[in-house]
């Protein structure tokens, strides 16, 4: 950050996290917040990142990108909205293994199946349309389901006991993207580069719907 003379209006940090994203975000933000520099990125599931031919485990790869000839701005999209008024308190969690054991005192798998009327085999694909949302102040962090483990659900994001979760459903993501593009065109009449980052599940969703190339 110091070496590139990073500043709020011309610099962004892009990260690719391979584990413990909560720790990574806290650590990186402790530096970026001093200059109000935006952070964008994604978390992978493999537990590894590579840089210059070397593989690192439980790591984060990041780039601090500064525009020498203009501004930089980060935009965030949320293609999900809350499904009805479902609201849960998480319990029986295993933070180290991202396990969500119970919702409002009932087995998490049973709660998910009862609401969405899906089989156990359908849970890991239905999470594309219906992930959980973890409330963090005014922000909602998406919590997708990785696999079923007994009566519990293993997620891609850490959930802690007493966390408040809601159930999300997929909206019109093509319209959301269109609105983002319009806003970028308004804010930046002349654009030199765009970094577009989606997590693994959004990539899978877009590929399944034939939307990725568009």
N, C-alpha and C. Protein backbone atom coordinates (compact mmCIF):
# COMPACT_ATOMS: atom_id res chain seq x y z
N UNK A 1 0.84 -1.20 0.00
CA UNK A 1 0.00 0.00 0.00
C UNK A 1 0.88 1.25 0.00
N UNK A 2 1.91 1.24 0.82
CA UNK A 2 2.81 2.40 0.85
C UNK A 2 3.62 2.53 -0.43
N UNK A 3 4.08 1.40 -0.95
CA UNK A 3 5.00 1.45 -2.10
C UNK A 3 4.33 1.96 -3.36
N UNK A 4 3.01 1.73 -3.51
CA UNK A 4 2.32 2.23 -4.70
C UNK A 4 1.66 3.58 -4.45
N UNK A 5 1.87 4.12 -3.23
CA UNK A 5 1.25 5.41 -2.86
C UNK A 5 -0.26 5.34 -3.04
N UNK A 6 -0.85 4.29 -2.49
CA UNK A 6 -2.27 4.03 -2.66
C UNK A 6 -3.13 5.12 -2.02
N UNK A 7 -4.21 5.45 -2.72
CA UNK A 7 -5.16 6.44 -2.22
C UNK A 7 -6.59 5.98 -2.52
N UNK A 8 -7.53 6.56 -1.82
CA UNK A 8 -8.92 6.12 -1.90
C UNK A 8 -9.48 6.21 -3.32
N UNK A 9 -9.17 7.27 -4.05
CA UNK A 9 -9.85 7.50 -5.32
C UNK A 9 -9.17 6.83 -6.51
N UNK A 10 -7.98 6.22 -6.31
CA UNK A 10 -7.31 5.65 -7.49
C UNK A 10 -6.78 4.23 -7.26
N UNK A 11 -7.10 3.62 -6.11
CA UNK A 11 -6.53 2.32 -5.79
C UNK A 11 -7.60 1.36 -5.30
N UNK A 12 -7.44 0.09 -5.66
CA UNK A 12 -8.32 -0.97 -5.16
C UNK A 12 -7.45 -2.18 -4.82
N UNK A 13 -7.88 -2.95 -3.82
CA UNK A 13 -7.19 -4.19 -3.48
C UNK A 13 -8.07 -5.36 -3.91
N UNK A 14 -7.48 -6.30 -4.66
CA UNK A 14 -8.20 -7.48 -5.13
C UNK A 14 -7.59 -8.70 -4.47
N UNK A 15 -8.44 -9.52 -3.81
CA UNK A 15 -7.90 -10.67 -3.11
C UNK A 15 -8.57 -11.96 -3.54
N UNK A 16 -7.80 -13.05 -3.47
CA UNK A 16 -8.32 -14.39 -3.70
C UNK A 16 -7.94 -15.22 -2.48
N UNK A 17 -8.92 -15.56 -1.69
CA UNK A 17 -8.69 -16.18 -0.39
C UNK A 17 -8.92 -17.68 -0.47
N UNK A 18 -8.02 -18.44 0.16
CA UNK A 18 -8.10 -19.89 0.09
C UNK A 18 -8.40 -20.52 1.45
N UNK A 19 -8.96 -19.74 2.36
CA UNK A 19 -9.31 -20.31 3.66
C UNK A 19 -9.40 -19.24 4.73
N UNK A 20 -10.36 -19.43 5.66
CA UNK A 20 -10.53 -18.52 6.79
C UNK A 20 -10.69 -17.08 6.32
N UNK A 21 -11.70 -16.86 5.49
CA UNK A 21 -11.90 -15.53 4.93
C UNK A 21 -12.19 -14.48 5.99
N UNK A 22 -12.80 -14.87 7.11
CA UNK A 22 -13.07 -13.90 8.18
C UNK A 22 -11.77 -13.32 8.72
N UNK A 23 -10.77 -14.17 8.90
CA UNK A 23 -9.46 -13.73 9.38
C UNK A 23 -8.77 -12.85 8.33
N UNK A 24 -8.85 -13.27 7.07
CA UNK A 24 -8.22 -12.51 5.99
C UNK A 24 -8.82 -11.11 5.89
N UNK A 25 -10.15 -11.02 5.91
CA UNK A 25 -10.81 -9.72 5.77
C UNK A 25 -10.44 -8.79 6.92
N UNK A 26 -10.43 -9.32 8.13
CA UNK A 26 -10.08 -8.51 9.30
C UNK A 26 -8.65 -7.99 9.18
N UNK A 27 -7.73 -8.86 8.76
CA UNK A 27 -6.33 -8.48 8.66
C UNK A 27 -6.11 -7.44 7.57
N UNK A 28 -6.64 -7.69 6.38
CA UNK A 28 -6.45 -6.76 5.27
C UNK A 28 -7.12 -5.42 5.56
N UNK A 29 -8.32 -5.48 6.14
CA UNK A 29 -9.05 -4.24 6.40
C UNK A 29 -8.32 -3.35 7.40
N UNK A 30 -7.57 -3.97 8.31
CA UNK A 30 -6.84 -3.18 9.30
C UNK A 30 -5.84 -2.24 8.62
N UNK A 31 -5.39 -2.59 7.42
CA UNK A 31 -4.48 -1.74 6.65
C UNK A 31 -5.26 -0.81 5.73
N UNK A 32 -6.23 -1.38 5.01
CA UNK A 32 -6.93 -0.59 3.99
C UNK A 32 -7.78 0.53 4.57
N UNK A 33 -8.33 0.31 5.77
CA UNK A 33 -9.26 1.29 6.34
C UNK A 33 -8.57 2.63 6.64
N UNK A 34 -7.26 2.60 6.84
CA UNK A 34 -6.53 3.84 7.14
C UNK A 34 -6.59 4.82 5.97
N UNK A 35 -6.75 4.29 4.76
CA UNK A 35 -6.81 5.15 3.58
C UNK A 35 -8.13 4.99 2.83
N UNK A 36 -9.08 4.28 3.44
CA UNK A 36 -10.41 4.06 2.81
C UNK A 36 -10.29 3.43 1.43
N UNK A 37 -9.41 2.45 1.30
CA UNK A 37 -9.22 1.76 0.02
C UNK A 37 -10.18 0.58 -0.06
N UNK A 38 -10.86 0.44 -1.18
CA UNK A 38 -11.86 -0.62 -1.37
C UNK A 38 -11.19 -1.97 -1.56
N UNK A 39 -11.88 -3.01 -1.10
CA UNK A 39 -11.42 -4.39 -1.27
C UNK A 39 -12.48 -5.18 -2.03
N UNK A 40 -12.05 -5.89 -3.07
CA UNK A 40 -12.94 -6.79 -3.79
C UNK A 40 -12.23 -8.13 -3.92
N UNK A 41 -13.01 -9.21 -4.00
CA UNK A 41 -12.36 -10.51 -4.14
C UNK A 41 -13.32 -11.65 -3.96
N UNK A 42 -12.74 -12.83 -3.79
CA UNK A 42 -13.57 -14.03 -3.65
C UNK A 42 -12.82 -15.09 -2.87
N UNK A 43 -13.60 -16.05 -2.36
CA UNK A 43 -13.03 -17.15 -1.58
C UNK A 43 -13.20 -18.45 -2.34
N UNK A 44 -12.11 -19.21 -2.46
CA UNK A 44 -12.16 -20.51 -3.10
C UNK A 44 -12.30 -21.61 -2.08
N UNK A 45 -12.58 -22.81 -2.55
CA UNK A 45 -12.81 -23.92 -1.63
C UNK A 45 -11.62 -24.86 -1.53
N UNK A 46 -10.68 -24.80 -2.46
CA UNK A 46 -9.60 -25.78 -2.49
C UNK A 46 -8.60 -25.66 -1.36
N UNK A 47 -8.58 -24.51 -0.66
CA UNK A 47 -7.64 -24.31 0.42
C UNK A 47 -6.25 -23.96 -0.06
N UNK A 48 -6.10 -23.63 -1.34
CA UNK A 48 -4.78 -23.33 -1.89
C UNK A 48 -4.86 -22.18 -2.89
N UNK A 49 -3.78 -21.41 -2.95
CA UNK A 49 -3.59 -20.43 -4.02
C UNK A 49 -2.18 -20.62 -4.56
N UNK A 50 -1.96 -20.21 -5.80
CA UNK A 50 -0.61 -20.31 -6.36
C UNK A 50 -0.16 -18.94 -6.85
N UNK A 51 1.12 -18.69 -6.72
CA UNK A 51 1.71 -17.45 -7.21
C UNK A 51 3.11 -17.75 -7.71
N UNK A 52 3.38 -17.37 -8.96
CA UNK A 52 4.71 -17.58 -9.57
C UNK A 52 5.16 -19.04 -9.47
N UNK A 53 4.22 -19.96 -9.66
CA UNK A 53 4.56 -21.37 -9.70
C UNK A 53 4.63 -22.06 -8.36
N UNK A 54 4.45 -21.33 -7.27
CA UNK A 54 4.50 -21.93 -5.94
C UNK A 54 3.08 -22.01 -5.37
N UNK A 55 2.76 -23.13 -4.72
CA UNK A 55 1.43 -23.33 -4.15
C UNK A 55 1.48 -23.04 -2.65
N UNK A 56 0.53 -22.23 -2.18
CA UNK A 56 0.43 -21.90 -0.77
C UNK A 56 -0.90 -22.41 -0.23
N UNK A 57 -0.88 -22.97 0.97
CA UNK A 57 -2.10 -23.48 1.60
C UNK A 57 -2.58 -22.52 2.68
N UNK A 58 -3.90 -22.49 2.87
CA UNK A 58 -4.51 -21.62 3.89
C UNK A 58 -3.95 -20.21 3.75
N UNK A 59 -4.09 -19.66 2.57
CA UNK A 59 -3.40 -18.41 2.25
C UNK A 59 -4.33 -17.46 1.49
N UNK A 60 -3.82 -16.27 1.25
CA UNK A 60 -4.52 -15.30 0.41
C UNK A 60 -3.53 -14.69 -0.57
N UNK A 61 -3.95 -14.61 -1.83
CA UNK A 61 -3.18 -13.89 -2.83
C UNK A 61 -3.90 -12.57 -3.08
N UNK A 62 -3.14 -11.49 -3.13
CA UNK A 62 -3.80 -10.20 -3.31
C UNK A 62 -2.97 -9.30 -4.22
N UNK A 63 -3.66 -8.35 -4.83
CA UNK A 63 -2.99 -7.36 -5.67
C UNK A 63 -3.51 -5.98 -5.29
N UNK A 64 -2.61 -5.05 -5.12
CA UNK A 64 -2.98 -3.65 -4.91
C UNK A 64 -2.83 -2.95 -6.26
N UNK A 65 -3.94 -2.54 -6.84
CA UNK A 65 -3.95 -1.99 -8.20
C UNK A 65 -4.23 -0.50 -8.15
N UNK A 66 -3.31 0.28 -8.68
CA UNK A 66 -3.47 1.74 -8.69
C UNK A 66 -3.56 2.24 -10.13
N UNK A 67 -4.50 3.11 -10.38
CA UNK A 67 -4.67 3.72 -11.69
C UNK A 67 -3.86 5.03 -11.72
N UNK A 68 -2.84 5.06 -12.58
CA UNK A 68 -1.99 6.25 -12.65
C UNK A 68 -2.64 7.39 -13.43
N UNK A 69 -3.70 7.08 -14.19
CA UNK A 69 -4.27 8.12 -15.05
C UNK A 69 -5.72 8.45 -14.77
N UNK A 70 -6.27 7.99 -13.66
CA UNK A 70 -7.68 8.28 -13.40
C UNK A 70 -8.15 7.65 -12.10
N UNK A 71 -9.46 7.49 -12.00
CA UNK A 71 -10.06 7.02 -10.76
C UNK A 71 -10.29 5.51 -10.78
N UNK A 72 -10.54 4.97 -9.62
CA UNK A 72 -10.97 3.58 -9.44
C UNK A 72 -12.15 3.57 -8.50
N UNK A 73 -13.13 2.74 -8.79
CA UNK A 73 -14.29 2.63 -7.90
C UNK A 73 -14.77 1.18 -7.87
N UNK A 74 -15.14 0.73 -6.68
CA UNK A 74 -15.65 -0.64 -6.51
C UNK A 74 -17.17 -0.62 -6.45
N UNK A 75 -17.79 -1.60 -7.09
CA UNK A 75 -19.25 -1.74 -7.10
C UNK A 75 -19.60 -3.12 -6.57
N UNK A 76 -20.69 -3.19 -5.84
CA UNK A 76 -21.12 -4.47 -5.28
C UNK A 76 -22.53 -4.79 -5.77
N UNK A 77 -22.71 -6.05 -6.14
CA UNK A 77 -24.03 -6.52 -6.55
C UNK A 77 -24.55 -7.56 -5.57
N UNK A 78 -25.84 -7.54 -5.33
CA UNK A 78 -26.49 -8.62 -4.57
C UNK A 78 -27.64 -9.14 -5.43
N UNK A 79 -27.48 -10.35 -5.94
CA UNK A 79 -28.51 -10.90 -6.83
C UNK A 79 -29.58 -11.67 -6.06
N UNK A 80 -29.51 -11.61 -4.72
CA UNK A 80 -30.48 -12.31 -3.88
C UNK A 80 -31.27 -11.31 -3.03
N UNK A 81 -32.46 -11.73 -2.63
CA UNK A 81 -33.23 -10.97 -1.65
C UNK A 81 -33.83 -11.94 -0.64
N UNK A 82 -34.30 -11.41 0.48
CA UNK A 82 -34.82 -12.27 1.54
C UNK A 82 -36.07 -13.00 1.09
N UNK A 83 -36.14 -14.29 1.42
CA UNK A 83 -37.31 -15.10 1.11
C UNK A 83 -38.28 -15.05 2.28
N UNK A 84 -39.44 -14.46 2.02
CA UNK A 84 -40.47 -14.29 3.04
C UNK A 84 -39.86 -13.71 4.32
N UNK A 85 -40.27 -14.22 5.49
CA UNK A 85 -39.75 -13.66 6.74
C UNK A 85 -38.95 -14.69 7.53
N UNK A 86 -38.34 -15.64 6.84
CA UNK A 86 -37.57 -16.66 7.54
C UNK A 86 -36.34 -16.02 8.20
N UNK A 87 -36.20 -16.31 9.49
CA UNK A 87 -35.11 -15.75 10.29
C UNK A 87 -34.70 -16.80 11.31
N UNK A 88 -33.40 -17.08 11.40
CA UNK A 88 -32.94 -18.19 12.23
C UNK A 88 -31.79 -17.74 13.15
N UNK A 89 -31.70 -18.42 14.29
CA UNK A 89 -30.54 -18.31 15.16
C UNK A 89 -29.74 -19.60 15.01
N UNK A 90 -28.47 -19.46 14.63
CA UNK A 90 -27.62 -20.63 14.40
C UNK A 90 -27.12 -21.20 15.73
N UNK A 91 -27.02 -22.53 15.79
CA UNK A 91 -26.45 -23.20 16.96
C UNK A 91 -25.82 -24.51 16.52
N UNK A 92 -25.15 -25.18 17.46
CA UNK A 92 -24.44 -26.43 17.18
C UNK A 92 -23.51 -26.27 15.98
N UNK A 93 -22.80 -25.15 15.97
CA UNK A 93 -21.88 -24.89 14.86
C UNK A 93 -20.49 -25.42 15.19
N UNK A 94 -19.73 -25.69 14.14
CA UNK A 94 -18.32 -26.06 14.25
C UNK A 94 -17.57 -25.05 13.38
N UNK A 95 -17.02 -24.03 14.01
CA UNK A 95 -16.41 -22.93 13.27
C UNK A 95 -15.26 -23.39 12.39
N UNK A 96 -14.46 -24.31 12.92
CA UNK A 96 -13.27 -24.75 12.18
C UNK A 96 -13.62 -25.46 10.88
N UNK A 97 -14.76 -26.17 10.88
CA UNK A 97 -15.15 -26.95 9.71
C UNK A 97 -16.37 -26.39 8.99
N UNK A 98 -16.79 -25.18 9.37
CA UNK A 98 -17.89 -24.47 8.72
C UNK A 98 -19.21 -25.25 8.78
N UNK A 99 -19.43 -25.93 9.90
CA UNK A 99 -20.63 -26.76 10.05
C UNK A 99 -21.72 -25.95 10.73
N UNK A 100 -22.92 -26.01 10.15
CA UNK A 100 -24.12 -25.41 10.72
C UNK A 100 -25.02 -26.54 11.19
N UNK A 101 -25.11 -26.73 12.49
CA UNK A 101 -25.84 -27.88 13.03
C UNK A 101 -27.32 -27.69 13.19
N UNK A 102 -27.74 -26.51 13.68
CA UNK A 102 -29.15 -26.31 13.98
C UNK A 102 -29.58 -24.89 13.69
N UNK A 103 -30.86 -24.74 13.36
CA UNK A 103 -31.49 -23.44 13.13
C UNK A 103 -32.73 -23.36 14.02
N UNK A 104 -32.74 -22.37 14.89
CA UNK A 104 -33.82 -22.24 15.87
C UNK A 104 -34.04 -23.54 16.64
N UNK A 105 -32.95 -24.22 16.93
CA UNK A 105 -33.01 -25.43 17.74
C UNK A 105 -33.35 -26.70 17.00
N UNK A 106 -33.63 -26.62 15.69
CA UNK A 106 -33.96 -27.80 14.90
C UNK A 106 -32.81 -28.13 13.95
N UNK A 107 -32.64 -29.42 13.59
CA UNK A 107 -31.55 -29.79 12.68
C UNK A 107 -31.58 -28.96 11.40
N UNK A 108 -30.44 -28.41 11.04
CA UNK A 108 -30.37 -27.48 9.90
C UNK A 108 -30.84 -28.13 8.60
N UNK A 109 -30.46 -29.38 8.37
CA UNK A 109 -30.88 -30.06 7.14
C UNK A 109 -32.39 -30.16 7.08
N UNK A 110 -33.02 -30.52 8.19
CA UNK A 110 -34.48 -30.67 8.22
C UNK A 110 -35.18 -29.35 7.95
N UNK A 111 -34.67 -28.27 8.55
CA UNK A 111 -35.28 -26.95 8.35
C UNK A 111 -35.23 -26.56 6.88
N UNK A 112 -34.07 -26.74 6.24
CA UNK A 112 -33.91 -26.37 4.84
C UNK A 112 -34.83 -27.21 3.95
N UNK A 113 -34.91 -28.50 4.23
CA UNK A 113 -35.76 -29.38 3.42
C UNK A 113 -37.24 -29.07 3.60
N UNK A 114 -37.65 -28.81 4.84
CA UNK A 114 -39.07 -28.56 5.12
C UNK A 114 -39.56 -27.29 4.43
N UNK A 115 -38.71 -26.27 4.37
CA UNK A 115 -39.12 -25.00 3.77
C UNK A 115 -39.18 -25.10 2.25
N UNK A 116 -38.16 -25.73 1.66
CA UNK A 116 -38.03 -25.73 0.20
C UNK A 116 -38.54 -27.00 -0.46
N UNK A 117 -38.91 -28.00 0.35
CA UNK A 117 -39.46 -29.27 -0.17
C UNK A 117 -38.50 -29.91 -1.18
N UNK A 118 -37.27 -30.11 -0.72
CA UNK A 118 -36.24 -30.73 -1.56
C UNK A 118 -35.73 -31.99 -0.87
N UNK A 119 -35.19 -32.90 -1.69
CA UNK A 119 -34.56 -34.10 -1.15
C UNK A 119 -33.16 -33.75 -0.65
N UNK A 120 -32.56 -34.66 0.09
CA UNK A 120 -31.20 -34.42 0.57
C UNK A 120 -30.23 -34.24 -0.58
N UNK A 121 -30.43 -35.00 -1.67
CA UNK A 121 -29.54 -34.92 -2.83
C UNK A 121 -29.66 -33.57 -3.55
N UNK A 122 -30.80 -32.92 -3.42
CA UNK A 122 -31.02 -31.66 -4.14
C UNK A 122 -30.49 -30.44 -3.38
N UNK A 123 -30.12 -30.61 -2.12
CA UNK A 123 -29.75 -29.46 -1.29
C UNK A 123 -28.56 -28.69 -1.88
N UNK A 124 -27.52 -29.40 -2.32
CA UNK A 124 -26.30 -28.73 -2.75
C UNK A 124 -26.44 -28.01 -4.10
N UNK A 125 -27.47 -28.32 -4.86
CA UNK A 125 -27.72 -27.55 -6.07
C UNK A 125 -28.79 -26.49 -5.84
N UNK A 126 -29.70 -26.75 -4.92
CA UNK A 126 -30.74 -25.75 -4.61
C UNK A 126 -30.14 -24.51 -3.94
N UNK A 127 -28.96 -24.67 -3.33
CA UNK A 127 -28.32 -23.53 -2.69
C UNK A 127 -27.94 -22.45 -3.70
N UNK A 128 -27.87 -22.80 -5.01
CA UNK A 128 -27.66 -21.77 -6.03
C UNK A 128 -28.78 -20.74 -5.98
N UNK A 129 -30.01 -21.25 -5.85
CA UNK A 129 -31.19 -20.37 -5.82
C UNK A 129 -31.51 -19.89 -4.41
N UNK A 130 -31.20 -20.71 -3.41
CA UNK A 130 -31.61 -20.38 -2.04
C UNK A 130 -30.47 -20.60 -1.04
N UNK A 131 -29.48 -19.71 -1.03
CA UNK A 131 -28.47 -19.77 0.03
C UNK A 131 -29.01 -19.11 1.30
N UNK A 132 -28.27 -19.22 2.37
CA UNK A 132 -28.59 -18.43 3.56
C UNK A 132 -27.91 -17.07 3.45
N UNK A 133 -28.39 -16.14 4.24
CA UNK A 133 -27.75 -14.84 4.36
C UNK A 133 -27.38 -14.60 5.82
N UNK A 134 -26.14 -14.21 6.05
CA UNK A 134 -25.66 -13.92 7.42
C UNK A 134 -25.68 -12.42 7.63
N UNK A 135 -26.47 -11.97 8.62
CA UNK A 135 -26.61 -10.55 8.86
C UNK A 135 -25.37 -10.02 9.57
N UNK A 136 -24.80 -8.98 8.98
CA UNK A 136 -23.61 -8.33 9.54
C UNK A 136 -23.83 -6.82 9.48
N UNK A 137 -24.46 -6.28 10.52
CA UNK A 137 -24.87 -4.88 10.47
C UNK A 137 -25.94 -4.69 9.41
N UNK A 138 -25.71 -3.75 8.50
CA UNK A 138 -26.65 -3.52 7.39
C UNK A 138 -26.32 -4.39 6.19
N UNK A 139 -25.25 -5.16 6.28
CA UNK A 139 -24.81 -5.97 5.16
C UNK A 139 -25.29 -7.41 5.32
N UNK A 140 -25.46 -8.09 4.19
CA UNK A 140 -25.84 -9.51 4.19
C UNK A 140 -24.75 -10.30 3.47
N UNK A 141 -24.11 -11.22 4.18
CA UNK A 141 -23.09 -12.08 3.58
C UNK A 141 -23.74 -13.39 3.15
N UNK A 142 -23.48 -13.80 1.93
CA UNK A 142 -24.09 -15.02 1.40
C UNK A 142 -23.40 -16.24 1.98
N UNK A 143 -24.19 -17.19 2.46
CA UNK A 143 -23.68 -18.44 3.03
C UNK A 143 -24.25 -19.59 2.20
N UNK A 144 -23.47 -20.10 1.28
CA UNK A 144 -23.90 -21.21 0.43
C UNK A 144 -23.57 -22.54 1.10
N UNK A 145 -24.32 -23.56 0.72
CA UNK A 145 -24.17 -24.89 1.32
C UNK A 145 -23.23 -25.72 0.46
N UNK A 146 -22.24 -26.31 1.10
CA UNK A 146 -21.26 -27.14 0.40
C UNK A 146 -21.70 -28.59 0.35
N UNK A 147 -22.15 -29.13 1.50
CA UNK A 147 -22.54 -30.54 1.55
C UNK A 147 -23.39 -30.81 2.78
N UNK A 148 -24.01 -31.98 2.79
CA UNK A 148 -24.79 -32.43 3.94
C UNK A 148 -23.93 -33.35 4.78
N UNK A 149 -23.99 -33.16 6.09
CA UNK A 149 -23.22 -34.00 7.00
C UNK A 149 -24.16 -34.45 8.13
N UNK A 150 -24.73 -35.65 7.97
CA UNK A 150 -25.73 -36.12 8.94
C UNK A 150 -26.96 -35.22 8.90
N UNK A 151 -27.34 -34.65 10.04
CA UNK A 151 -28.45 -33.70 10.09
C UNK A 151 -27.97 -32.26 9.96
N UNK A 152 -26.67 -32.08 9.74
CA UNK A 152 -26.09 -30.73 9.66
C UNK A 152 -25.77 -30.36 8.22
N UNK A 153 -25.45 -29.09 8.03
CA UNK A 153 -25.05 -28.57 6.72
C UNK A 153 -23.64 -28.00 6.84
N UNK A 154 -22.78 -28.36 5.90
CA UNK A 154 -21.44 -27.78 5.83
C UNK A 154 -21.49 -26.64 4.81
N UNK A 155 -21.02 -25.47 5.22
CA UNK A 155 -21.17 -24.28 4.38
C UNK A 155 -19.82 -23.83 3.83
N UNK A 156 -19.86 -22.85 2.93
CA UNK A 156 -18.65 -22.27 2.37
C UNK A 156 -18.18 -21.06 3.17
N UNK A 157 -18.97 -20.64 4.14
CA UNK A 157 -18.60 -19.50 4.98
C UNK A 157 -18.80 -19.89 6.43
N UNK A 158 -17.96 -19.38 7.28
CA UNK A 158 -18.04 -19.70 8.71
C UNK A 158 -19.30 -19.13 9.33
N UNK A 159 -19.99 -19.98 10.10
CA UNK A 159 -21.16 -19.56 10.86
C UNK A 159 -20.89 -19.88 12.33
N UNK A 160 -21.23 -18.94 13.20
CA UNK A 160 -20.98 -19.10 14.62
C UNK A 160 -22.29 -19.27 15.38
N UNK A 161 -22.22 -19.86 16.56
CA UNK A 161 -23.40 -19.92 17.42
C UNK A 161 -23.94 -18.52 17.66
N UNK A 162 -25.26 -18.41 17.61
CA UNK A 162 -26.00 -17.16 17.84
C UNK A 162 -25.96 -16.19 16.66
N UNK A 163 -25.30 -16.56 15.55
CA UNK A 163 -25.40 -15.74 14.34
C UNK A 163 -26.85 -15.72 13.87
N UNK A 164 -27.27 -14.59 13.32
CA UNK A 164 -28.63 -14.47 12.76
C UNK A 164 -28.55 -14.72 11.26
N UNK A 165 -29.32 -15.70 10.81
CA UNK A 165 -29.37 -16.04 9.39
C UNK A 165 -30.77 -15.82 8.84
N UNK A 166 -30.82 -15.46 7.57
CA UNK A 166 -32.09 -15.41 6.85
C UNK A 166 -31.97 -16.32 5.64
N UNK A 167 -33.11 -16.66 5.04
CA UNK A 167 -33.10 -17.46 3.82
C UNK A 167 -33.25 -16.52 2.63
N UNK A 168 -32.40 -16.72 1.63
CA UNK A 168 -32.42 -15.85 0.46
C UNK A 168 -32.98 -16.59 -0.75
N UNK A 169 -33.44 -15.82 -1.73
CA UNK A 169 -33.86 -16.41 -2.99
C UNK A 169 -33.33 -15.57 -4.13
N UNK A 170 -33.06 -16.25 -5.23
CA UNK A 170 -32.46 -15.60 -6.40
C UNK A 170 -33.44 -14.63 -7.05
N UNK A 171 -32.95 -13.43 -7.34
CA UNK A 171 -33.75 -12.45 -8.06
C UNK A 171 -33.42 -12.44 -9.54
N UNK A 172 -33.78 -11.38 -10.22
CA UNK A 172 -33.50 -11.21 -11.64
C UNK A 172 -32.07 -10.69 -11.78
N UNK A 173 -31.10 -11.62 -11.79
CA UNK A 173 -29.71 -11.19 -11.76
C UNK A 173 -29.28 -10.49 -13.05
N UNK A 174 -29.91 -10.82 -14.17
CA UNK A 174 -29.55 -10.13 -15.41
C UNK A 174 -29.93 -8.66 -15.34
N UNK A 175 -31.06 -8.36 -14.70
CA UNK A 175 -31.47 -6.96 -14.52
C UNK A 175 -30.54 -6.26 -13.54
N UNK A 176 -30.10 -6.98 -12.50
CA UNK A 176 -29.15 -6.40 -11.54
C UNK A 176 -27.85 -6.03 -12.23
N UNK A 177 -27.34 -6.92 -13.09
CA UNK A 177 -26.12 -6.65 -13.83
C UNK A 177 -26.31 -5.46 -14.77
N UNK A 178 -27.46 -5.40 -15.43
CA UNK A 178 -27.75 -4.29 -16.35
C UNK A 178 -27.72 -2.95 -15.62
N UNK A 179 -28.30 -2.93 -14.42
CA UNK A 179 -28.31 -1.69 -13.63
C UNK A 179 -26.91 -1.29 -13.20
N UNK A 180 -26.07 -2.30 -12.86
CA UNK A 180 -24.69 -2.00 -12.48
C UNK A 180 -23.94 -1.40 -13.66
N UNK A 181 -24.11 -1.98 -14.84
CA UNK A 181 -23.44 -1.46 -16.04
C UNK A 181 -23.86 -0.03 -16.32
N UNK A 182 -25.15 0.25 -16.17
CA UNK A 182 -25.65 1.61 -16.38
C UNK A 182 -24.98 2.60 -15.42
N UNK A 183 -24.85 2.18 -14.16
CA UNK A 183 -24.26 3.05 -13.16
C UNK A 183 -22.79 3.30 -13.46
N UNK A 184 -22.07 2.26 -13.88
CA UNK A 184 -20.66 2.43 -14.23
C UNK A 184 -20.51 3.37 -15.42
N UNK A 185 -21.37 3.21 -16.43
CA UNK A 185 -21.31 4.08 -17.60
C UNK A 185 -21.59 5.53 -17.23
N UNK A 186 -22.48 5.72 -16.26
CA UNK A 186 -22.79 7.08 -15.81
C UNK A 186 -21.62 7.68 -15.03
N UNK A 187 -21.01 6.87 -14.15
CA UNK A 187 -19.92 7.36 -13.31
C UNK A 187 -18.62 7.52 -14.09
N UNK A 188 -18.42 6.66 -15.11
CA UNK A 188 -17.18 6.67 -15.88
C UNK A 188 -17.51 6.69 -17.37
N UNK A 189 -17.73 7.87 -17.95
CA UNK A 189 -18.01 7.94 -19.39
C UNK A 189 -16.91 7.29 -20.23
N UNK A 190 -15.65 7.41 -19.78
CA UNK A 190 -14.54 6.74 -20.45
C UNK A 190 -13.95 5.73 -19.48
N UNK A 191 -13.93 4.47 -19.92
CA UNK A 191 -13.47 3.38 -19.03
C UNK A 191 -12.29 2.68 -19.67
N UNK A 192 -11.26 2.44 -18.87
CA UNK A 192 -10.07 1.77 -19.41
C UNK A 192 -10.01 0.30 -19.01
N UNK A 193 -10.64 -0.08 -17.90
CA UNK A 193 -10.59 -1.48 -17.48
C UNK A 193 -11.69 -1.78 -16.47
N UNK A 194 -12.14 -3.03 -16.49
CA UNK A 194 -13.12 -3.50 -15.51
C UNK A 194 -12.67 -4.87 -15.00
N UNK A 195 -12.60 -5.03 -13.68
CA UNK A 195 -12.40 -6.34 -13.06
C UNK A 195 -13.77 -6.81 -12.57
N UNK A 196 -14.21 -7.96 -13.05
CA UNK A 196 -15.50 -8.51 -12.61
C UNK A 196 -15.24 -9.82 -11.88
N UNK A 197 -15.64 -9.87 -10.61
CA UNK A 197 -15.32 -11.02 -9.76
C UNK A 197 -16.60 -11.63 -9.20
N UNK A 198 -16.74 -12.93 -9.40
CA UNK A 198 -17.85 -13.68 -8.81
C UNK A 198 -17.30 -14.89 -8.06
N UNK A 199 -18.04 -15.35 -7.08
CA UNK A 199 -17.61 -16.54 -6.35
C UNK A 199 -17.92 -17.78 -7.19
N UNK A 200 -17.43 -18.91 -6.70
CA UNK A 200 -17.56 -20.17 -7.43
C UNK A 200 -19.01 -20.50 -7.75
N UNK A 201 -19.91 -20.33 -6.77
CA UNK A 201 -21.30 -20.72 -6.99
C UNK A 201 -22.00 -19.81 -7.98
N UNK A 202 -21.67 -18.52 -7.98
CA UNK A 202 -22.28 -17.64 -8.97
C UNK A 202 -21.75 -18.01 -10.36
N UNK A 203 -20.48 -18.38 -10.46
CA UNK A 203 -19.93 -18.84 -11.74
C UNK A 203 -20.68 -20.08 -12.21
N UNK A 204 -20.90 -21.03 -11.32
CA UNK A 204 -21.63 -22.25 -11.68
C UNK A 204 -23.05 -21.93 -12.12
N UNK A 205 -23.69 -21.01 -11.39
CA UNK A 205 -25.06 -20.62 -11.73
C UNK A 205 -25.12 -20.00 -13.12
N UNK A 206 -24.20 -19.07 -13.39
CA UNK A 206 -24.19 -18.40 -14.69
C UNK A 206 -23.91 -19.38 -15.82
N UNK A 207 -23.00 -20.34 -15.59
CA UNK A 207 -22.70 -21.35 -16.61
C UNK A 207 -23.92 -22.24 -16.87
N UNK A 208 -24.58 -22.64 -15.79
CA UNK A 208 -25.77 -23.50 -15.92
C UNK A 208 -26.86 -22.81 -16.73
N UNK A 209 -26.99 -21.50 -16.57
CA UNK A 209 -28.03 -20.75 -17.26
C UNK A 209 -27.55 -20.23 -18.63
N UNK A 210 -26.31 -20.56 -19.03
CA UNK A 210 -25.81 -20.09 -20.29
C UNK A 210 -25.55 -18.60 -20.34
N UNK A 211 -25.27 -18.00 -19.17
CA UNK A 211 -25.12 -16.54 -19.06
C UNK A 211 -23.67 -16.08 -18.99
N UNK A 212 -22.74 -17.00 -18.75
CA UNK A 212 -21.37 -16.59 -18.45
C UNK A 212 -20.75 -15.79 -19.59
N UNK A 213 -20.88 -16.25 -20.84
CA UNK A 213 -20.28 -15.54 -21.96
C UNK A 213 -20.89 -14.17 -22.14
N UNK A 214 -22.20 -14.08 -21.93
CA UNK A 214 -22.86 -12.76 -22.07
C UNK A 214 -22.36 -11.79 -21.04
